[in-house]
């Protein structure tokens, strides 16, 4: 029953909002570390990759635990 309540609160369409949020976060974080655009872009891609990996990992763990 709790699983149904959790999935009722998290609509699948809301999960797509995490993508632009993660991309914006990675660009801003990378820009605070360097001032050269090519370093910002390279670091932002790396940070976004790690962020998406951990978001998926947490989602999978929550799916099996809850």
PDB file of N, CA and C in Angstrom:
ATOM      1  N   UNK A   1       0.817  -1.191   0.000  1.00  0.00           N
ATOM      2  CA  UNK A   1       0.000   0.000   0.000  1.00  0.00           C
ATOM      3  C   UNK A   1       0.865   1.261   0.000  1.00  0.00           C
ATOM      4  N   UNK A   2       1.944   1.257   0.785  1.00  0.00           N
ATOM      5  CA  UNK A   2       2.820   2.422   0.836  1.00  0.00           C
ATOM      6  C   UNK A   2       3.482   2.672  -0.502  1.00  0.00           C
ATOM      7  N   UNK A   3       3.781   1.597  -1.223  1.00  0.00           N
ATOM      8  CA  UNK A   3       4.411   1.741  -2.530  1.00  0.00           C
ATOM      9  C   UNK A   3       3.489   2.467  -3.490  1.00  0.00           C
ATOM     10  N   UNK A   4       2.203   2.155  -3.437  1.00  0.00           N
ATOM     11  CA  UNK A   4       1.244   2.827  -4.305  1.00  0.00           C
ATOM     12  C   UNK A   4       1.125   4.300  -3.956  1.00  0.00           C
ATOM     13  N   UNK A   5       1.187   4.618  -2.679  1.00  0.00           N
ATOM     14  CA  UNK A   5       1.129   6.024  -2.262  1.00  0.00           C
ATOM     15  C   UNK A   5       2.360   6.767  -2.764  1.00  0.00           C
ATOM     16  N   UNK A   6       3.532   6.148  -2.660  1.00  0.00           N
ATOM     17  CA  UNK A   6       4.757   6.791  -3.124  1.00  0.00           C
ATOM     18  C   UNK A   6       4.705   7.050  -4.625  1.00  0.00           C
ATOM     19  N   UNK A   7       4.274   6.053  -5.386  1.00  0.00           N
ATOM     20  CA  UNK A   7       4.205   6.237  -6.832  1.00  0.00           C
ATOM     21  C   UNK A   7       3.094   7.199  -7.222  1.00  0.00           C
ATOM     22  N   UNK A   8       2.098   7.348  -6.382  1.00  0.00           N
ATOM     23  CA  UNK A   8       1.056   8.330  -6.654  1.00  0.00           C
ATOM     24  C   UNK A   8       1.566   9.755  -6.488  1.00  0.00           C
ATOM     25  N   UNK A   9       2.511   9.932  -5.554  1.00  0.00           N
ATOM     26  CA  UNK A   9       3.065  11.269  -5.329  1.00  0.00           C
ATOM     27  C   UNK A   9       4.083  11.656  -6.389  1.00  0.00           C
ATOM     28  N   UNK A  10       4.814  10.669  -6.909  1.00  0.00           N
ATOM     29  CA  UNK A  10       5.839  10.939  -7.909  1.00  0.00           C
ATOM     30  C   UNK A  10       5.328  10.521  -9.280  1.00  0.00           C
ATOM     31  N   UNK A  11       4.824  11.453 -10.011  1.00  0.00           N
ATOM     32  CA  UNK A  11       4.374  11.179 -11.362  1.00  0.00           C
ATOM     33  C   UNK A  11       5.589  11.055 -12.268  1.00  0.00           C
ATOM     34  N   UNK A  12       5.524  10.169 -13.249  1.00  0.00           N
ATOM     35  CA  UNK A  12       6.672   9.932 -14.123  1.00  0.00           C
ATOM     36  C   UNK A  12       7.071  11.184 -14.886  1.00  0.00           C
ATOM     37  N   UNK A  13       6.126  12.040 -15.189  1.00  0.00           N
ATOM     38  CA  UNK A  13       6.440  13.265 -15.917  1.00  0.00           C
ATOM     39  C   UNK A  13       7.278  14.225 -15.065  1.00  0.00           C
ATOM     40  N   UNK A  14       7.159  14.157 -13.761  1.00  0.00           N
ATOM     41  CA  UNK A  14       7.943  15.028 -12.892  1.00  0.00           C
ATOM     42  C   UNK A  14       9.404  14.611 -12.853  1.00  0.00           C
ATOM     43  N   UNK A  15       9.678  13.350 -13.102  1.00  0.00           N
ATOM     44  CA  UNK A  15      11.059  12.873 -13.091  1.00  0.00           C
ATOM     45  C   UNK A  15      11.850  13.526 -14.221  1.00  0.00           C
ATOM     46  N   UNK A  16      11.210  13.822 -15.334  1.00  0.00           N
ATOM     47  CA  UNK A  16      11.899  14.469 -16.455  1.00  0.00           C
ATOM     48  C   UNK A  16      12.393  15.860 -16.094  1.00  0.00           C
ATOM     49  N   UNK A  17      11.836  16.467 -15.072  1.00  0.00           N
ATOM     50  CA  UNK A  17      12.292  17.791 -14.639  1.00  0.00           C
ATOM     51  C   UNK A  17      13.671  17.736 -13.989  1.00  0.00           C
ATOM     52  N   UNK A  18      14.115  16.561 -13.598  1.00  0.00           N
ATOM     53  CA  UNK A  18      15.441  16.419 -12.993  1.00  0.00           C
ATOM     54  C   UNK A  18      16.548  16.597 -14.024  1.00  0.00           C
ATOM     55  N   UNK A  19      16.273  16.334 -15.283  1.00  0.00           N
ATOM     56  CA  UNK A  19      17.310  16.432 -16.315  1.00  0.00           C
ATOM     57  C   UNK A  19      17.792  17.870 -16.496  1.00  0.00           C
ATOM     58  N   UNK A  20      16.911  18.837 -16.786  1.00  0.00           N
ATOM     59  CA  UNK A  20      17.434  20.213 -16.916  1.00  0.00           C
ATOM     60  C   UNK A  20      17.989  20.760 -15.612  1.00  0.00           C
ATOM     61  N   UNK A  21      17.438  20.326 -14.482  1.00  0.00           N
ATOM     62  CA  UNK A  21      17.963  20.768 -13.199  1.00  0.00           C
ATOM     63  C   UNK A  21      19.387  20.262 -12.998  1.00  0.00           C
ATOM     64  N   UNK A  22      19.638  19.006 -13.318  1.00  0.00           N
ATOM     65  CA  UNK A  22      20.980  18.437 -13.182  1.00  0.00           C
ATOM     66  C   UNK A  22      21.956  19.088 -14.159  1.00  0.00           C
ATOM     67  N   UNK A  23      21.519  19.365 -15.365  1.00  0.00           N
ATOM     68  CA  UNK A  23      22.389  20.027 -16.343  1.00  0.00           C
ATOM     69  C   UNK A  23      22.736  21.445 -15.897  1.00  0.00           C
ATOM     70  N   UNK A  24      21.754  22.169 -15.409  1.00  0.00           N
ATOM     71  CA  UNK A  24      22.021  23.536 -14.936  1.00  0.00           C
ATOM     72  C   UNK A  24      22.956  23.517 -13.731  1.00  0.00           C
ATOM     73  N   UNK A  25      22.734  22.588 -12.818  1.00  0.00           N
ATOM     74  CA  UNK A  25      23.603  22.473 -11.650  1.00  0.00           C
ATOM     75  C   UNK A  25      25.039  22.174 -12.066  1.00  0.00           C
ATOM     76  N   UNK A  26      25.221  21.261 -13.009  1.00  0.00           N
ATOM     77  CA  UNK A  26      26.578  20.888 -13.409  1.00  0.00           C
ATOM     78  C   UNK A  26      27.292  22.044 -14.117  1.00  0.00           C
ATOM     79  N   UNK A  27      26.578  22.816 -14.911  1.00  0.00           N
ATOM     80  CA  UNK A  27      27.205  23.959 -15.594  1.00  0.00           C
ATOM     81  C   UNK A  27      27.594  25.041 -14.590  1.00  0.00           C
ATOM     82  N   UNK A  28      26.715  25.340 -13.656  1.00  0.00           N
ATOM     83  CA  UNK A  28      27.012  26.368 -12.658  1.00  0.00           C
ATOM     84  C   UNK A  28      28.169  25.927 -11.771  1.00  0.00           C
ATOM     85  N   UNK A  29      28.161  24.665 -11.348  1.00  0.00           N
ATOM     86  CA  UNK A  29      29.240  24.171 -10.495  1.00  0.00           C
ATOM     87  C   UNK A  29      30.572  24.190 -11.240  1.00  0.00           C
ATOM     88  N   UNK A  30      30.565  23.795 -12.516  1.00  0.00           N
ATOM     89  CA  UNK A  30      31.796  23.800 -13.298  1.00  0.00           C
ATOM     90  C   UNK A  30      32.284  25.232 -13.535  1.00  0.00           C
ATOM     91  N   UNK A  31      31.362  26.164 -13.698  1.00  0.00           N
ATOM     92  CA  UNK A  31      31.747  27.557 -13.945  1.00  0.00           C
ATOM     93  C   UNK A  31      32.371  28.196 -12.714  1.00  0.00           C
ATOM     94  N   UNK A  32      32.041  27.703 -11.530  1.00  0.00           N
ATOM     95  CA  UNK A  32      32.650  28.265 -10.330  1.00  0.00           C
ATOM     96  C   UNK A  32      34.080  27.775 -10.149  1.00  0.00           C
ATOM     97  N   UNK A  33      34.467  26.724 -10.849  1.00  0.00           N
ATOM     98  CA  UNK A  33      35.801  26.149 -10.711  1.00  0.00           C
ATOM     99  C   UNK A  33      36.784  26.650 -11.763  1.00  0.00           C
ATOM    100  N   UNK A  34      36.284  27.145 -12.886  1.00  0.00           N
ATOM    101  CA  UNK A  34      37.166  27.587 -13.971  1.00  0.00           C
ATOM    102  C   UNK A  34      36.507  28.732 -14.726  1.00  0.00           C
ATOM    103  N   UNK A  35      37.319  29.482 -15.469  1.00  0.00           N
ATOM    104  CA  UNK A  35      36.776  30.592 -16.250  1.00  0.00           C
ATOM    105  C   UNK A  35      36.863  30.349 -17.748  1.00  0.00           C
ATOM    106  N   UNK A  36      37.577  29.322 -18.175  1.00  0.00           N
ATOM    107  CA  UNK A  36      37.702  29.041 -19.599  1.00  0.00           C
ATOM    108  C   UNK A  36      36.542  28.167 -20.071  1.00  0.00           C
ATOM    109  N   UNK A  37      35.885  28.575 -21.169  1.00  0.00           N
ATOM    110  CA  UNK A  37      34.686  27.855 -21.616  1.00  0.00           C
ATOM    111  C   UNK A  37      34.910  26.374 -21.932  1.00  0.00           C
ATOM    112  N   UNK A  38      36.052  26.013 -22.497  1.00  0.00           N
ATOM    113  CA  UNK A  38      36.235  24.597 -22.839  1.00  0.00           C
ATOM    114  C   UNK A  38      36.406  23.742 -21.583  1.00  0.00           C
ATOM    115  N   UNK A  39      37.026  24.308 -20.545  1.00  0.00           N
ATOM    116  CA  UNK A  39      37.135  23.575 -19.282  1.00  0.00           C
ATOM    117  C   UNK A  39      35.778  23.484 -18.587  1.00  0.00           C
ATOM    118  N   UNK A  40      34.989  24.544 -18.703  1.00  0.00           N
ATOM    119  CA  UNK A  40      33.649  24.534 -18.111  1.00  0.00           C
ATOM    120  C   UNK A  40      32.803  23.456 -18.776  1.00  0.00           C
ATOM    121  N   UNK A  41      32.826  23.399 -20.104  1.00  0.00           N
ATOM    122  CA  UNK A  41      32.016  22.413 -20.824  1.00  0.00           C
ATOM    123  C   UNK A  41      32.462  20.991 -20.514  1.00  0.00           C
ATOM    124  N   UNK A  42      33.770  20.750 -20.509  1.00  0.00           N
ATOM    125  CA  UNK A  42      34.269  19.399 -20.242  1.00  0.00           C
ATOM    126  C   UNK A  42      33.934  18.967 -18.818  1.00  0.00           C
ATOM    127  N   UNK A  43      34.117  19.855 -17.874  1.00  0.00           N
ATOM    128  CA  UNK A  43      33.833  19.502 -16.479  1.00  0.00           C
ATOM    129  C   UNK A  43      32.330  19.357 -16.249  1.00  0.00           C
ATOM    130  N   UNK A  44      31.523  20.175 -16.919  1.00  0.00           N
ATOM    131  CA  UNK A  44      30.069  20.084 -16.767  1.00  0.00           C
ATOM    132  C   UNK A  44      29.549  18.747 -17.291  1.00  0.00           C
ATOM    133  N   UNK A  45      30.101  18.274 -18.382  1.00  0.00           N
ATOM    134  CA  UNK A  45      29.692  16.975 -18.919  1.00  0.00           C
ATOM    135  C   UNK A  45      30.060  15.861 -17.944  1.00  0.00           C
ATOM    136  N   UNK A  46      31.250  15.942 -17.367  1.00  0.00           N
ATOM    137  CA  UNK A  46      31.686  14.925 -16.410  1.00  0.00           C
ATOM    138  C   UNK A  46      30.809  14.943 -15.155  1.00  0.00           C
ATOM    139  N   UNK A  47      30.525  16.122 -14.638  1.00  0.00           N
ATOM    140  CA  UNK A  47      29.688  16.242 -13.443  1.00  0.00           C
ATOM    141  C   UNK A  47      28.271  15.758 -13.734  1.00  0.00           C
ATOM    142  N   UNK A  48      27.732  16.112 -14.895  1.00  0.00           N
ATOM    143  CA  UNK A  48      26.381  15.672 -15.255  1.00  0.00           C
ATOM    144  C   UNK A  48      26.327  14.148 -15.365  1.00  0.00           C
ATOM    145  N   UNK A  49      27.373  13.549 -15.916  1.00  0.00           N
ATOM    146  CA  UNK A  49      27.412  12.088 -16.002  1.00  0.00           C
ATOM    147  C   UNK A  49      27.386  11.434 -14.630  1.00  0.00           C
ATOM    148  N   UNK A  50      28.205  11.950 -13.711  1.00  0.00           N
ATOM    149  CA  UNK A  50      28.214  11.404 -12.355  1.00  0.00           C
ATOM    150  C   UNK A  50      26.884  11.641 -11.661  1.00  0.00           C
ATOM    151  N   UNK A  51      26.310  12.803 -11.857  1.00  0.00           N
ATOM    152  CA  UNK A  51      25.043  13.127 -11.218  1.00  0.00           C
ATOM    153  C   UNK A  51      23.922  12.216 -11.713  1.00  0.00           C
ATOM    154  N   UNK A  52      23.858  11.998 -13.026  1.00  0.00           N
ATOM    155  CA  UNK A  52      22.840  11.099 -13.577  1.00  0.00           C
ATOM    156  C   UNK A  52      23.060   9.665 -13.103  1.00  0.00           C
ATOM    157  N   UNK A  53      24.321   9.242 -13.013  1.00  0.00           N
ATOM    158  CA  UNK A  53      24.622   7.896 -12.531  1.00  0.00           C
ATOM    159  C   UNK A  53      24.093   7.710 -11.105  1.00  0.00           C
ATOM    160  N   UNK A  54      24.371   8.671 -10.229  1.00  0.00           N
ATOM    161  CA  UNK A  54      23.920   8.544  -8.845  1.00  0.00           C
ATOM    162  C   UNK A  54      22.409   8.704  -8.713  1.00  0.00           C
ATOM    163  N   UNK A  55      21.795   9.537  -9.545  1.00  0.00           N
ATOM    164  CA  UNK A  55      20.342   9.650  -9.514  1.00  0.00           C
ATOM    165  C   UNK A  55      19.681   8.334  -9.908  1.00  0.00           C
ATOM    166  N   UNK A  56      20.201   7.694 -10.939  1.00  0.00           N
ATOM    167  CA  UNK A  56      19.666   6.405 -11.363  1.00  0.00           C
ATOM    168  C   UNK A  56      19.926   5.352 -10.295  1.00  0.00           C
ATOM    169  N   UNK A  57      21.110   5.356  -9.712  1.00  0.00           N
ATOM    170  CA  UNK A  57      21.445   4.402  -8.664  1.00  0.00           C
ATOM    171  C   UNK A  57      20.502   4.538  -7.471  1.00  0.00           C
ATOM    172  N   UNK A  58      20.255   5.753  -7.023  1.00  0.00           N
ATOM    173  CA  UNK A  58      19.330   5.980  -5.913  1.00  0.00           C
ATOM    174  C   UNK A  58      17.915   5.565  -6.306  1.00  0.00           C
ATOM    175  N   UNK A  59      17.516   5.844  -7.530  1.00  0.00           N
ATOM    176  CA  UNK A  59      16.191   5.439  -7.993  1.00  0.00           C
ATOM    177  C   UNK A  59      16.018   3.929  -8.015  1.00  0.00           C
ATOM    178  N   UNK A  60      17.049   3.215  -8.454  1.00  0.00           N
ATOM    179  CA  UNK A  60      16.978   1.751  -8.479  1.00  0.00           C
ATOM    180  C   UNK A  60      16.927   1.191  -7.064  1.00  0.00           C
ATOM    181  N   UNK A  61      17.746   1.732  -6.182  1.00  0.00           N
ATOM    182  CA  UNK A  61      17.743   1.260  -4.798  1.00  0.00           C
ATOM    183  C   UNK A  61      16.385   1.523  -4.161  1.00  0.00           C
ATOM    184  N   UNK A  62      15.828   2.699  -4.357  1.00  0.00           N
ATOM    185  CA  UNK A  62      14.520   3.008  -3.784  1.00  0.00           C
ATOM    186  C   UNK A  62      13.428   2.142  -4.388  1.00  0.00           C
ATOM    187  N   UNK A  63      13.561   1.810  -5.645  1.00  0.00           N
ATOM    188  CA  UNK A  63      12.559   0.961  -6.291  1.00  0.00           C
ATOM    189  C   UNK A  63      12.513  -0.421  -5.645  1.00  0.00           C
ATOM    190  N   UNK A  64      13.674  -0.972  -5.323  1.00  0.00           N
ATOM    191  CA  UNK A  64      13.713  -2.306  -4.747  1.00  0.00           C
ATOM    192  C   UNK A  64      13.489  -2.320  -3.237  1.00  0.00           C
ATOM    193  N   UNK A  65      13.787  -1.227  -2.563  1.00  0.00           N
ATOM    194  CA  UNK A  65      13.627  -1.187  -1.113  1.00  0.00           C
ATOM    195  C   UNK A  65      12.186  -0.841  -0.731  1.00  0.00           C
ATOM    196  N   UNK A  66      11.608   0.102  -1.426  1.00  0.00           N
ATOM    197  CA  UNK A  66      10.260   0.569  -1.053  1.00  0.00           C
ATOM    198  C   UNK A  66       9.220  -0.332  -1.587  1.00  0.00           C
TER     199      UNK A  66
END
